[in-house]
Amino acid sequence: MVSIKAAFDAQNLIRTQPKKVATIIQQQMKEYKIESNKDWKEGYTHLLSQPTLPPLKWSAPLALAAVDHCADIGPKNRMSHTGTDGSKFWERVERHSKELHPGAENIGVGFESGMDFLL
């Protein structure tokens, strides 16, 4: 199971070292024999030209909102951006902080690493 921190660290690797991540994608394309897959090739090519971006800063309130959501929908075998109480992402974040203005959440299940989750 991928931890929230592992996904966060992978996102920062993509932001701060896009060419290194392009190399990872290239290796996976060979390993999975998908060198001709246009979507993977597009991601690879895009990362090669992507400028380096500053890393994101860790946010405990965002992490707590994510943990709460996992604890809510995980045991019920659900995969949804909506909580079982009808809550949306922003509402869950506001339970932990009124000062944050995030824009999105990623949801996934069954990934071995943070990089696998993001790719």
PDB file of N, CA and C in Angstrom:
ATOM      1  N   MET A   1       0.839  -1.170   0.000  1.00  0.00           N
ATOM      2  CA  MET A   1       0.000   0.000   0.000  1.00  0.00           C
ATOM      3  C   MET A   1       0.888   1.239   0.000  1.00  0.00           C
ATOM      4  N   VAL A   2       0.531   2.205  -0.811  1.00  0.00           N
ATOM      5  CA  VAL A   2       1.299   3.444  -0.929  1.00  0.00           C
ATOM      6  C   VAL A   2       0.902   4.401   0.179  1.00  0.00           C
ATOM      7  N   SER A   3       1.895   4.963   0.818  1.00  0.00           N
ATOM      8  CA  SER A   3       1.602   5.962   1.850  1.00  0.00           C
ATOM      9  C   SER A   3       1.361   7.320   1.198  1.00  0.00           C
ATOM     10  N   ILE A   4       0.680   8.177   1.914  1.00  0.00           N
ATOM     11  CA  ILE A   4       0.446   9.535   1.432  1.00  0.00           C
ATOM     12  C   ILE A   4       1.793  10.227   1.201  1.00  0.00           C
ATOM     13  N   LYS A   5       2.728  10.005   2.104  1.00  0.00           N
ATOM     14  CA  LYS A   5       4.050  10.637   1.990  1.00  0.00           C
ATOM     15  C   LYS A   5       4.790  10.130   0.753  1.00  0.00           C
ATOM     16  N   ALA A   6       4.656   8.849   0.420  1.00  0.00           N
ATOM     17  CA  ALA A   6       5.324   8.302  -0.769  1.00  0.00           C
ATOM     18  C   ALA A   6       4.776   8.946  -2.042  1.00  0.00           C
ATOM     19  N   ALA A   7       3.467   9.139  -2.102  1.00  0.00           N
ATOM     20  CA  ALA A   7       2.868   9.801  -3.263  1.00  0.00           C
ATOM     21  C   ALA A   7       3.320  11.257  -3.335  1.00  0.00           C
ATOM     22  N   PHE A   8       3.382  11.912  -2.189  1.00  0.00           N
ATOM     23  CA  PHE A   8       3.840  13.300  -2.118  1.00  0.00           C
ATOM     24  C   PHE A   8       5.295  13.407  -2.602  1.00  0.00           C
ATOM     25  N   ASP A   9       6.145  12.513  -2.125  1.00  0.00           N
ATOM     26  CA  ASP A   9       7.551  12.525  -2.524  1.00  0.00           C
ATOM     27  C   ASP A   9       7.702  12.272  -4.021  1.00  0.00           C
ATOM     28  N   ALA A  10       6.893  11.368  -4.567  1.00  0.00           N
ATOM     29  CA  ALA A  10       6.945  11.098  -6.005  1.00  0.00           C
ATOM     30  C   ALA A  10       6.520  12.326  -6.799  1.00  0.00           C
ATOM     31  N   GLN A  11       5.491  13.023  -6.329  1.00  0.00           N
ATOM     32  CA  GLN A  11       5.052  14.246  -7.002  1.00  0.00           C
ATOM     33  C   GLN A  11       6.172  15.277  -7.008  1.00  0.00           C
ATOM     34  N   ASN A  12       6.880  15.399  -5.913  1.00  0.00           N
ATOM     35  CA  ASN A  12       7.990  16.352  -5.876  1.00  0.00           C
ATOM     36  C   ASN A  12       9.149  15.915  -6.767  1.00  0.00           C
ATOM     37  N   LEU A  13       9.367  14.628  -6.902  1.00  0.00           N
ATOM     38  CA  LEU A  13      10.406  14.159  -7.821  1.00  0.00           C
ATOM     39  C   LEU A  13      10.045  14.545  -9.251  1.00  0.00           C
ATOM     40  N   ILE A  14       8.777  14.391  -9.612  1.00  0.00           N
ATOM     41  CA  ILE A  14       8.328  14.786 -10.948  1.00  0.00           C
ATOM     42  C   ILE A  14       8.540  16.282 -11.151  1.00  0.00           C
ATOM     43  N   ARG A  15       8.255  17.078 -10.142  1.00  0.00           N
ATOM     44  CA  ARG A  15       8.402  18.534 -10.245  1.00  0.00           C
ATOM     45  C   ARG A  15       9.869  18.963 -10.296  1.00  0.00           C
ATOM     46  N   THR A  16      10.699  18.374  -9.457  1.00  0.00           N
ATOM     47  CA  THR A  16      12.073  18.852  -9.310  1.00  0.00           C
ATOM     48  C   THR A  16      13.079  18.155 -10.225  1.00  0.00           C
ATOM     49  N   GLN A  17      12.744  16.944 -10.699  1.00  0.00           N
ATOM     50  CA  GLN A  17      13.657  16.185 -11.553  1.00  0.00           C
ATOM     51  C   GLN A  17      12.890  15.488 -12.683  1.00  0.00           C
ATOM     52  N   PRO A  18      12.219  16.259 -13.540  1.00  0.00           N
ATOM     53  CA  PRO A  18      11.392  15.631 -14.571  1.00  0.00           C
ATOM     54  C   PRO A  18      12.174  14.729 -15.528  1.00  0.00           C
ATOM     55  N   LYS A  19      13.415  15.064 -15.822  1.00  0.00           N
ATOM     56  CA  LYS A  19      14.201  14.221 -16.730  1.00  0.00           C
ATOM     57  C   LYS A  19      14.517  12.865 -16.093  1.00  0.00           C
ATOM     58  N   LYS A  20      14.724  12.847 -14.786  1.00  0.00           N
ATOM     59  CA  LYS A  20      14.949  11.577 -14.084  1.00  0.00           C
ATOM     60  C   LYS A  20      13.695  10.708 -14.159  1.00  0.00           C
ATOM     61  N   VAL A  21      12.526  11.320 -14.005  1.00  0.00           N
ATOM     62  CA  VAL A  21      11.274  10.577 -14.090  1.00  0.00           C
ATOM     63  C   VAL A  21      11.052  10.084 -15.518  1.00  0.00           C
ATOM     64  N   ALA A  22      11.473  10.873 -16.512  1.00  0.00           N
ATOM     65  CA  ALA A  22      11.383  10.425 -17.903  1.00  0.00           C
ATOM     66  C   ALA A  22      12.186   9.145 -18.096  1.00  0.00           C
ATOM     67  N   THR A  23      13.338   9.053 -17.452  1.00  0.00           N
ATOM     68  CA  THR A  23      14.159   7.843 -17.514  1.00  0.00           C
ATOM     69  C   THR A  23      13.417   6.658 -16.895  1.00  0.00           C
ATOM     70  N   ILE A  24      12.727   6.897 -15.782  1.00  0.00           N
ATOM     71  CA  ILE A  24      11.933   5.839 -15.138  1.00  0.00           C
ATOM     72  C   ILE A  24      10.837   5.357 -16.087  1.00  0.00           C
ATOM     73  N   ILE A  25      10.175   6.310 -16.736  1.00  0.00           N
ATOM     74  CA  ILE A  25       9.121   5.945 -17.689  1.00  0.00           C
ATOM     75  C   ILE A  25       9.704   5.141 -18.848  1.00  0.00           C
ATOM     76  N   GLN A  26      10.834   5.570 -19.349  1.00  0.00           N
ATOM     77  CA  GLN A  26      11.480   4.856 -20.453  1.00  0.00           C
ATOM     78  C   GLN A  26      11.796   3.409 -20.043  1.00  0.00           C
ATOM     79  N   GLN A  27      12.297   3.209 -18.826  1.00  0.00           N
ATOM     80  CA  GLN A  27      12.596   1.864 -18.332  1.00  0.00           C
ATOM     81  C   GLN A  27      11.323   1.025 -18.223  1.00  0.00           C
ATOM     82  N   GLN A  28      10.235   1.647 -17.730  1.00  0.00           N
ATOM     83  CA  GLN A  28       8.973   0.914 -17.598  1.00  0.00           C
ATOM     84  C   GLN A  28       8.390   0.564 -18.960  1.00  0.00           C
ATOM     85  N   MET A  29       8.543   1.448 -19.925  1.00  0.00           N
ATOM     86  CA  MET A  29       8.052   1.163 -21.272  1.00  0.00           C
ATOM     87  C   MET A  29       8.753  -0.072 -21.836  1.00  0.00           C
ATOM     88  N   LYS A  30      10.053  -0.178 -21.604  1.00  0.00           N
ATOM     89  CA  LYS A  30      10.800  -1.351 -22.070  1.00  0.00           C
ATOM     90  C   LYS A  30      10.397  -2.597 -21.286  1.00  0.00           C
ATOM     91  N   GLU A  31      10.317  -2.452 -19.959  1.00  0.00           N
ATOM     92  CA  GLU A  31       9.980  -3.593 -19.101  1.00  0.00           C
ATOM     93  C   GLU A  31       8.616  -4.178 -19.442  1.00  0.00           C
ATOM     94  N   TYR A  32       7.643  -3.292 -19.676  1.00  0.00           N
ATOM     95  CA  TYR A  32       6.276  -3.746 -19.963  1.00  0.00           C
ATOM     96  C   TYR A  32       6.014  -3.921 -21.456  1.00  0.00           C
ATOM     97  N   LYS A  33       7.071  -3.716 -22.268  1.00  0.00           N
ATOM     98  CA  LYS A  33       6.984  -3.868 -23.719  1.00  0.00           C
ATOM     99  C   LYS A  33       5.869  -3.009 -24.321  1.00  0.00           C
ATOM    100  N   ILE A  34       5.880  -1.735 -23.908  1.00  0.00           N
ATOM    101  CA  ILE A  34       4.867  -0.792 -24.396  1.00  0.00           C
ATOM    102  C   ILE A  34       5.536   0.428 -25.032  1.00  0.00           C
ATOM    103  N   GLU A  35       6.697   0.214 -25.660  1.00  0.00           N
ATOM    104  CA  GLU A  35       7.430   1.333 -26.260  1.00  0.00           C
ATOM    105  C   GLU A  35       6.599   2.079 -27.298  1.00  0.00           C
ATOM    106  N   SER A  36       5.639   1.398 -27.916  1.00  0.00           N
ATOM    107  CA  SER A  36       4.839   2.050 -28.964  1.00  0.00           C
ATOM    108  C   SER A  36       3.563   2.699 -28.421  1.00  0.00           C
ATOM    109  N   ASN A  37       3.307   2.596 -27.102  1.00  0.00           N
ATOM    110  CA  ASN A  37       2.099   3.190 -26.520  1.00  0.00           C
ATOM    111  C   ASN A  37       2.199   4.715 -26.604  1.00  0.00           C
ATOM    112  N   LYS A  38       1.260   5.323 -27.333  1.00  0.00           N
ATOM    113  CA  LYS A  38       1.362   6.769 -27.582  1.00  0.00           C
ATOM    114  C   LYS A  38       1.215   7.603 -26.310  1.00  0.00           C
ATOM    115  N   ASP A  39       0.404   7.163 -25.351  1.00  0.00           N
ATOM    116  CA  ASP A  39       0.225   7.929 -24.120  1.00  0.00           C
ATOM    117  C   ASP A  39       1.501   7.941 -23.282  1.00  0.00           C
ATOM    118  N   TRP A  40       2.139   6.785 -23.159  1.00  0.00           N
ATOM    119  CA  TRP A  40       3.388   6.718 -22.403  1.00  0.00           C
ATOM    120  C   TRP A  40       4.479   7.522 -23.108  1.00  0.00           C
ATOM    121  N   LYS A  41       4.529   7.410 -24.455  1.00  0.00           N
ATOM    122  CA  LYS A  41       5.525   8.174 -25.213  1.00  0.00           C
ATOM    123  C   LYS A  41       5.290   9.676 -25.050  1.00  0.00           C
ATOM    124  N   GLU A  42       4.035  10.085 -25.027  1.00  0.00           N
ATOM    125  CA  GLU A  42       3.721  11.498 -24.854  1.00  0.00           C
ATOM    126  C   GLU A  42       4.170  11.989 -23.474  1.00  0.00           C
ATOM    127  N   GLY A  43       3.910  11.192 -22.429  1.00  0.00           N
ATOM    128  CA  GLY A  43       4.349  11.557 -21.085  1.00  0.00           C
ATOM    129  C   GLY A  43       5.863  11.651 -21.001  1.00  0.00           C
ATOM    130  N   TYR A  44       6.536  10.684 -21.606  1.00  0.00           N
ATOM    131  CA  TYR A  44       7.996  10.664 -21.625  1.00  0.00           C
ATOM    132  C   TYR A  44       8.542  11.924 -22.316  1.00  0.00           C
ATOM    133  N   THR A  45       8.016  12.227 -23.495  1.00  0.00           N
ATOM    134  CA  THR A  45       8.468  13.383 -24.260  1.00  0.00           C
ATOM    135  C   THR A  45       8.182  14.683 -23.512  1.00  0.00           C
ATOM    136  N   HIS A  46       7.024  14.762 -22.905  1.00  0.00           N
ATOM    137  CA  HIS A  46       6.667  15.967 -22.152  1.00  0.00           C
ATOM    138  C   HIS A  46       7.634  16.190 -20.989  1.00  0.00           C
ATOM    139  N   LEU A  47       7.967  15.132 -20.272  1.00  0.00           N
ATOM    140  CA  LEU A  47       8.879  15.279 -19.129  1.00  0.00           C
ATOM    141  C   LEU A  47      10.275  15.714 -19.567  1.00  0.00           C
ATOM    142  N   LEU A  48      10.706  15.281 -20.728  1.00  0.00           N
ATOM    143  CA  LEU A  48      12.024  15.693 -21.218  1.00  0.00           C
ATOM    144  C   LEU A  48      12.099  17.195 -21.448  1.00  0.00           C
ATOM    145  N   SER A  49      10.975  17.820 -21.789  1.00  0.00           N
ATOM    146  CA  SER A  49      10.979  19.258 -22.049  1.00  0.00           C
ATOM    147  C   SER A  49      10.433  20.078 -20.878  1.00  0.00           C
ATOM    148  N   GLN A  50      10.026  19.395 -19.819  1.00  0.00           N
ATOM    149  CA  GLN A  50       9.426  20.073 -18.663  1.00  0.00           C
ATOM    150  C   GLN A  50      10.502  20.821 -17.867  1.00  0.00           C
ATOM    151  N   PRO A  51      10.270  22.105 -17.565  1.00  0.00           N
ATOM    152  CA  PRO A  51      11.236  22.810 -16.719  1.00  0.00           C
ATOM    153  C   PRO A  51      11.160  22.304 -15.275  1.00  0.00           C
ATOM    154  N   THR A  52      12.236  22.477 -14.567  1.00  0.00           N
ATOM    155  CA  THR A  52      12.260  22.130 -13.153  1.00  0.00           C
ATOM    156  C   THR A  52      11.364  23.098 -12.390  1.00  0.00           C
ATOM    157  N   LEU A  53      10.548  22.550 -11.487  1.00  0.00           N
ATOM    158  CA  LEU A  53       9.659  23.363 -10.660  1.00  0.00           C
ATOM    159  C   LEU A  53      10.049  23.207  -9.194  1.00  0.00           C
ATOM    160  N   PRO A  54       9.719  24.179  -8.365  1.00  0.00           N
ATOM    161  CA  PRO A  54      10.041  24.041  -6.945  1.00  0.00           C
ATOM    162  C   PRO A  54       9.195  22.940  -6.309  1.00  0.00           C
ATOM    163  N   PRO A  55       9.713  22.322  -5.260  1.00  0.00           N
ATOM    164  CA  PRO A  55       8.941  21.261  -4.594  1.00  0.00           C
ATOM    165  C   PRO A  55       7.721  21.820  -3.877  1.00  0.00           C
ATOM    166  N   LEU A  56       6.713  21.001  -3.771  1.00  0.00           N
ATOM    167  CA  LEU A  56       5.544  21.356  -2.971  1.00  0.00           C
ATOM    168  C   LEU A  56       5.903  21.241  -1.495  1.00  0.00           C
ATOM    169  N   LYS A  57       5.212  21.978  -0.661  1.00  0.00           N
ATOM    170  CA  LYS A  57       5.433  21.895   0.786  1.00  0.00           C
ATOM    171  C   LYS A  57       4.404  20.956   1.401  1.00  0.00           C
ATOM    172  N   TRP A  58       4.854  20.126   2.334  1.00  0.00           N
ATOM    173  CA  TRP A  58       3.980  19.182   3.032  1.00  0.00           C
ATOM    174  C   TRP A  58       2.925  19.948   3.822  1.00  0.00           C
ATOM    175  N   SER A  59       1.702  19.481   3.786  1.00  0.00           N
ATOM    176  CA  SER A  59       0.611  20.096   4.530  1.00  0.00           C
ATOM    177  C   SER A  59      -0.046  19.041   5.418  1.00  0.00           C
ATOM    178  N   ALA A  60       0.137  19.168   6.708  1.00  0.00           N
ATOM    179  CA  ALA A  60      -0.488  18.218   7.641  1.00  0.00           C
ATOM    180  C   ALA A  60      -2.010  18.215   7.503  1.00  0.00           C
ATOM    181  N   PRO A  61      -2.679  19.382   7.394  1.00  0.00           N
ATOM    182  CA  PRO A  61      -4.135  19.346   7.241  1.00  0.00           C
ATOM    183  C   PRO A  61      -4.594  18.590   5.990  1.00  0.00           C
ATOM    184  N   LEU A  62      -3.876  18.743   4.874  1.00  0.00           N
ATOM    185  CA  LEU A  62      -4.236  17.985   3.669  1.00  0.00           C
ATOM    186  C   LEU A  62      -4.037  16.492   3.886  1.00  0.00           C
ATOM    187  N   ALA A  63      -2.939  16.136   4.548  1.00  0.00           N
ATOM    188  CA  ALA A  63      -2.686  14.722   4.830  1.00  0.00           C
ATOM    189  C   ALA A  63      -3.773  14.143   5.734  1.00  0.00           C
ATOM    190  N   LEU A  64      -4.184  14.905   6.738  1.00  0.00           N
ATOM    191  CA  LEU A  64      -5.247  14.431   7.636  1.00  0.00           C
ATOM    192  C   LEU A  64      -6.565  14.247   6.890  1.00  0.00           C
ATOM    193  N   ALA A  65      -6.865  15.167   5.981  1.00  0.00           N
ATOM    194  CA  ALA A  65      -8.082  15.023   5.177  1.00  0.00           C
ATOM    195  C   ALA A  65      -8.014  13.756   4.330  1.00  0.00           C
ATOM    196  N   ALA A  66      -6.837  13.454   3.775  1.00  0.00           N
ATOM    197  CA  ALA A  66      -6.665  12.247   2.970  1.00  0.00           C
ATOM    198  C   ALA A  66      -6.815  10.987   3.817  1.00  0.00           C
ATOM    199  N   VAL A  67      -6.206  10.986   5.008  1.00  0.00           N
ATOM    200  CA  VAL A  67      -6.319   9.828   5.909  1.00  0.00           C
ATOM    201  C   VAL A  67      -7.776   9.608   6.304  1.00  0.00           C
ATOM    202  N   ASP A  68      -8.470  10.674   6.631  1.00  0.00           N
ATOM    203  CA  ASP A  68      -9.893  10.564   6.986  1.00  0.00           C
ATOM    204  C   ASP A  68     -10.696   9.948   5.838  1.00  0.00           C
ATOM    205  N   HIS A  69     -10.426  10.406   4.630  1.00  0.00           N
ATOM    206  CA  HIS A  69     -11.176   9.906   3.476  1.00  0.00           C
ATOM    207  C   HIS A  69     -10.881   8.424   3.230  1.00  0.00           C
ATOM    208  N   CYS A  70      -9.613   8.043   3.357  1.00  0.00           N
ATOM    209  CA  CYS A  70      -9.245   6.626   3.197  1.00  0.00           C
ATOM    210  C   CYS A  70      -9.929   5.763   4.248  1.00  0.00           C
ATOM    211  N   ALA A  71      -9.942   6.252   5.487  1.00  0.00           N
ATOM    212  CA  ALA A  71     -10.580   5.504   6.578  1.00  0.00           C
ATOM    213  C   ALA A  71     -12.091   5.395   6.356  1.00  0.00           C
ATOM    214  N   ASP A  72     -12.660   6.377   5.694  1.00  0.00           N
ATOM    215  CA  ASP A  72     -14.093   6.379   5.419  1.00  0.00           C
ATOM    216  C   ASP A  72     -14.454   5.417   4.294  1.00  0.00           C
ATOM    217  N   ILE A  73     -13.819   5.569   3.130  1.00  0.00           N
ATOM    218  CA  ILE A  73     -14.255   4.788   1.968  1.00  0.00           C
ATOM    219  C   ILE A  73     -13.534   3.448   1.813  1.00  0.00           C
ATOM    220  N   GLY A  74     -12.308   3.339   2.339  1.00  0.00           N
ATOM    221  CA  GLY A  74     -11.531   2.112   2.176  1.00  0.00           C
ATOM    222  C   GLY A  74     -12.219   0.862   2.693  1.00  0.00           C
ATOM    223  N   PRO A  75     -12.639   0.838   3.967  1.00  0.00           N
ATOM    224  CA  PRO A  75     -13.278  -0.369   4.510  1.00  0.00           C
ATOM    225  C   PRO A  75     -14.591  -0.737   3.806  1.00  0.00           C
ATOM    226  N   LYS A  76     -15.167   0.221   3.109  1.00  0.00           N
ATOM    227  CA  LYS A  76     -16.427  -0.032   2.402  1.00  0.00           C
ATOM    228  C   LYS A  76     -16.168  -0.413   0.939  1.00  0.00           C
ATOM    229  N   ASN A  77     -14.876  -0.571   0.607  1.00  0.00           N
ATOM    230  CA  ASN A  77     -14.458  -0.968  -0.741  1.00  0.00           C
ATOM    231  C   ASN A  77     -14.985   0.000  -1.802  1.00  0.00           C
ATOM    232  N   ARG A  78     -14.937   1.275  -1.487  1.00  0.00           N
ATOM    233  CA  ARG A  78     -15.384   2.310  -2.422  1.00  0.00           C
ATOM    234  C   ARG A  78     -14.177   3.075  -2.939  1.00  0.00           C
ATOM    235  N   MET A  79     -14.288   3.588  -4.144  1.00  0.00           N
ATOM    236  CA  MET A  79     -13.277   4.480  -4.690  1.00  0.00           C
ATOM    237  C   MET A  79     -14.027   5.658  -5.300  1.00  0.00           C
ATOM    238  N   SER A  80     -14.039   6.763  -4.572  1.00  0.00           N
ATOM    239  CA  SER A  80     -14.839   7.908  -4.968  1.00  0.00           C
ATOM    240  C   SER A  80     -14.256   9.179  -4.369  1.00  0.00           C
ATOM    241  N   HIS A  81     -14.474  10.292  -5.045  1.00  0.00           N
ATOM    242  CA  HIS A  81     -14.084  11.588  -4.494  1.00  0.00           C
ATOM    243  C   HIS A  81     -15.124  12.087  -3.492  1.00  0.00           C
ATOM    244  N   THR A  82     -16.231  11.411  -3.403  1.00  0.00           N
ATOM    245  CA  THR A  82     -17.292  11.783  -2.472  1.00  0.00           C
ATOM    246  C   THR A  82     -17.262  10.847  -1.273  1.00  0.00           C
ATOM    247  N   GLY A  83     -17.256  11.410  -0.064  1.00  0.00           N
ATOM    248  CA  GLY A  83     -17.271  10.599   1.149  1.00  0.00           C
ATOM    249  C   GLY A  83     -18.627   9.939   1.343  1.00  0.00           C
ATOM    250  N   THR A  84     -18.680   8.950   2.235  1.00  0.00           N
ATOM    251  CA  THR A  84     -19.950   8.270   2.489  1.00  0.00           C
ATOM    252  C   THR A  84     -20.972   9.202   3.131  1.00  0.00           C
ATOM    253  N   ASP A  85     -20.485  10.310   3.701  1.00  0.00           N
ATOM    254  CA  ASP A  85     -21.390  11.317   4.263  1.00  0.00           C
ATOM    255  C   ASP A  85     -21.765  12.383   3.245  1.00  0.00           C
ATOM    256  N   GLY A  86     -21.356  12.185   1.984  1.00  0.00           N
ATOM    257  CA  GLY A  86     -21.647  13.139   0.925  1.00  0.00           C
ATOM    258  C   GLY A  86     -20.617  14.249   0.800  1.00  0.00           C
ATOM    259  N   SER A  87     -19.591  14.217   1.647  1.00  0.00           N
ATOM    260  CA  SER A  87     -18.589  15.292   1.646  1.00  0.00           C
ATOM    261  C   SER A  87     -17.751  15.270   0.379  1.00  0.00           C
ATOM    262  N   LYS A  88     -17.383  16.466  -0.045  1.00  0.00           N
ATOM    263  CA  LYS A  88     -16.482  16.658  -1.172  1.00  0.00           C
ATOM    264  C   LYS A  88     -15.090  16.943  -0.641  1.00  0.00           C
ATOM    265  N   PHE A  89     -14.125  16.889  -1.512  1.00  0.00           N
ATOM    266  CA  PHE A  89     -12.723  17.092  -1.146  1.00  0.00           C
ATOM    267  C   PHE A  89     -12.535  18.365  -0.308  1.00  0.00           C
ATOM    268  N   TRP A  90     -13.004  19.479  -0.813  1.00  0.00           N
ATOM    269  CA  TRP A  90     -12.790  20.742  -0.122  1.00  0.00           C
ATOM    270  C   TRP A  90     -13.413  20.740   1.273  1.00  0.00           C
ATOM    271  N   GLU A  91     -14.569  20.121   1.416  1.00  0.00           N
ATOM    272  CA  GLU A  91     -15.226  20.065   2.734  1.00  0.00           C
ATOM    273  C   GLU A  91     -14.380  19.264   3.718  1.00  0.00           C
ATOM    274  N   ARG A  92     -13.772  18.185   3.245  1.00  0.00           N
ATOM    275  CA  ARG A  92     -12.924  17.380   4.129  1.00  0.00           C
ATOM    276  C   ARG A  92     -11.682  18.154   4.549  1.00  0.00           C
ATOM    277  N   VAL A  93     -11.127  18.943   3.626  1.00  0.00           N
ATOM    278  CA  VAL A  93      -9.957  19.757   3.955  1.00  0.00           C
ATOM    279  C   VAL A  93     -10.331  20.821   4.988  1.00  0.00           C
ATOM    280  N   GLU A  94     -11.486  21.441   4.827  1.00  0.00           N
ATOM    281  CA  GLU A  94     -11.912  22.494   5.754  1.00  0.00           C
ATOM    282  C   GLU A  94     -12.114  21.982   7.179  1.00  0.00           C
ATOM    283  N   ARG A  95     -12.314  20.691   7.344  1.00  0.00           N
ATOM    284  CA  ARG A  95     -12.430  20.123   8.694  1.00  0.00           C
ATOM    285  C   ARG A  95     -11.109  20.259   9.456  1.00  0.00           C
ATOM    286  N   HIS A  96     -10.010  20.375   8.724  1.00  0.00           N
ATOM    287  CA  HIS A  96      -8.682  20.431   9.344  1.00  0.00           C
ATOM    288  C   HIS A  96      -8.021  21.799   9.233  1.00  0.00           C
ATOM    289  N   SER A  97      -8.461  22.621   8.298  1.00  0.00           N
ATOM    290  CA  SER A  97      -7.869  23.951   8.139  1.00  0.00           C
ATOM    291  C   SER A  97      -8.801  24.840   7.330  1.00  0.00           C
ATOM    292  N   LYS A  98      -8.967  26.054   7.792  1.00  0.00           N
ATOM    293  CA  LYS A  98      -9.770  27.038   7.061  1.00  0.00           C
ATOM    294  C   LYS A  98      -8.879  27.909   6.170  1.00  0.00           C
ATOM    295  N   GLU A  99      -7.574  27.696   6.246  1.00  0.00           N
ATOM    296  CA  GLU A  99      -6.637  28.568   5.549  1.00  0.00           C
ATOM    297  C   GLU A  99      -6.096  27.986   4.246  1.00  0.00           C
ATOM    298  N   LEU A 100      -6.408  26.760   3.946  1.00  0.00           N
ATOM    299  CA  LEU A 100      -5.866  26.124   2.747  1.00  0.00           C
ATOM    300  C   LEU A 100      -6.804  26.314   1.565  1.00  0.00           C
ATOM    301  N   HIS A 101      -6.213  26.381   0.391  1.00  0.00           N
ATOM    302  CA  HIS A 101      -7.007  26.510  -0.827  1.00  0.00           C
ATOM    303  C   HIS A 101      -6.491  25.525  -1.877  1.00  0.00           C
ATOM    304  N   PRO A 102      -6.559  24.240  -1.596  1.00  0.00           N
ATOM    305  CA  PRO A 102      -6.087  23.245  -2.559  1.00  0.00           C
ATOM    306  C   PRO A 102      -7.054  23.114  -3.721  1.00  0.00           C
ATOM    307  N   GLY A 103      -6.623  22.435  -4.761  1.00  0.00           N
ATOM    308  CA  GLY A 103      -7.466  22.350  -5.926  1.00  0.00           C
ATOM    309  C   GLY A 103      -7.925  20.971  -6.336  1.00  0.00           C
ATOM    310  N   ALA A 104      -7.274  19.919  -5.873  1.00  0.00           N
ATOM    311  CA  ALA A 104      -7.640  18.597  -6.386  1.00  0.00           C
ATOM    312  C   ALA A 104      -7.126  17.501  -5.467  1.00  0.00           C
ATOM    313  N   GLU A 105      -7.639  16.298  -5.695  1.00  0.00           N
ATOM    314  CA  GLU A 105      -7.131  15.124  -4.988  1.00  0.00           C
ATOM    315  C   GLU A 105      -6.963  13.999  -5.991  1.00  0.00           C
ATOM    316  N   ASN A 106      -6.026  13.119  -5.715  1.00  0.00           N
ATOM    317  CA  ASN A 106      -5.816  11.913  -6.512  1.00  0.00           C
ATOM    318  C   ASN A 106      -6.234  10.718  -5.677  1.00  0.00           C
ATOM    319  N   ILE A 107      -6.925   9.786  -6.309  1.00  0.00           N
ATOM    320  CA  ILE A 107      -7.375   8.584  -5.612  1.00  0.00           C
ATOM    321  C   ILE A 107      -6.911   7.372  -6.398  1.00  0.00           C
ATOM    322  N   GLY A 108      -6.386   6.388  -5.701  1.00  0.00           N
ATOM    323  CA  GLY A 108      -5.965   5.160  -6.359  1.00  0.00           C
ATOM    324  C   GLY A 108      -5.884   4.036  -5.348  1.00  0.00           C
ATOM    325  N   VAL A 109      -5.834   2.821  -5.846  1.00  0.00           N
ATOM    326  CA  VAL A 109      -5.747   1.659  -4.963  1.00  0.00           C
ATOM    327  C   VAL A 109      -4.879   0.594  -5.627  1.00  0.00           C
ATOM    328  N   GLY A 110      -4.104  -0.119  -4.811  1.00  0.00           N
ATOM    329  CA  GLY A 110      -3.347  -1.261  -5.301  1.00  0.00           C
ATOM    330  C   GLY A 110      -1.982  -0.959  -5.872  1.00  0.00           C
ATOM    331  N   PHE A 111      -1.459   0.229  -5.662  1.00  0.00           N
ATOM    332  CA  PHE A 111      -0.148   0.580  -6.204  1.00  0.00           C
ATOM    333  C   PHE A 111       0.951   0.218  -5.216  1.00  0.00           C
ATOM    334  N   GLU A 112       2.122  -0.147  -5.756  1.00  0.00           N
ATOM    335  CA  GLU A 112       3.239  -0.570  -4.928  1.00  0.00           C
ATOM    336  C   GLU A 112       4.109   0.591  -4.462  1.00  0.00           C
ATOM    337  N   SER A 113       4.092   1.684  -5.219  1.00  0.00           N
ATOM    338  CA  SER A 113       4.959   2.815  -4.852  1.00  0.00           C
ATOM    339  C   SER A 113       4.252   4.126  -5.195  1.00  0.00           C
ATOM    340  N   GLY A 114       4.790   5.189  -4.652  1.00  0.00           N
ATOM    341  CA  GLY A 114       4.242   6.508  -4.954  1.00  0.00           C
ATOM    342  C   GLY A 114       4.378   6.836  -6.437  1.00  0.00           C
ATOM    343  N   MET A 115       5.499   6.451  -7.054  1.00  0.00           N
ATOM    344  CA  MET A 115       5.696   6.719  -8.465  1.00  0.00           C
ATOM    345  C   MET A 115       4.694   5.923  -9.299  1.00  0.00           C
ATOM    346  N   ASP A 116       4.483   4.652  -8.964  1.00  0.00           N
ATOM    347  CA  ASP A 116       3.474   3.857  -9.685  1.00  0.00           C
ATOM    348  C   ASP A 116       2.110   4.506  -9.607  1.00  0.00           C
ATOM    349  N   PHE A 117       1.772   5.026  -8.443  1.00  0.00           N
ATOM    350  CA  PHE A 117       0.485   5.692  -8.248  1.00  0.00           C
ATOM    351  C   PHE A 117       0.339   6.886  -9.187  1.00  0.00           C
ATOM    352  N   LEU A 118       1.396   7.688  -9.325  1.00  0.00           N
ATOM    353  CA  LEU A 118       1.305   8.882 -10.150  1.00  0.00           C
ATOM    354  C   LEU A 118       1.441   8.593 -11.637  1.00  0.00           C
ATOM    355  N   LEU A 119       2.167   7.545 -11.983  1.00  0.00           N
ATOM    356  CA  LEU A 119       2.325   7.225 -13.415  1.00  0.00           C
ATOM    357  C   LEU A 119       1.144   6.405 -13.878  1.00  0.00           C
TER     358      LEU A 119
END
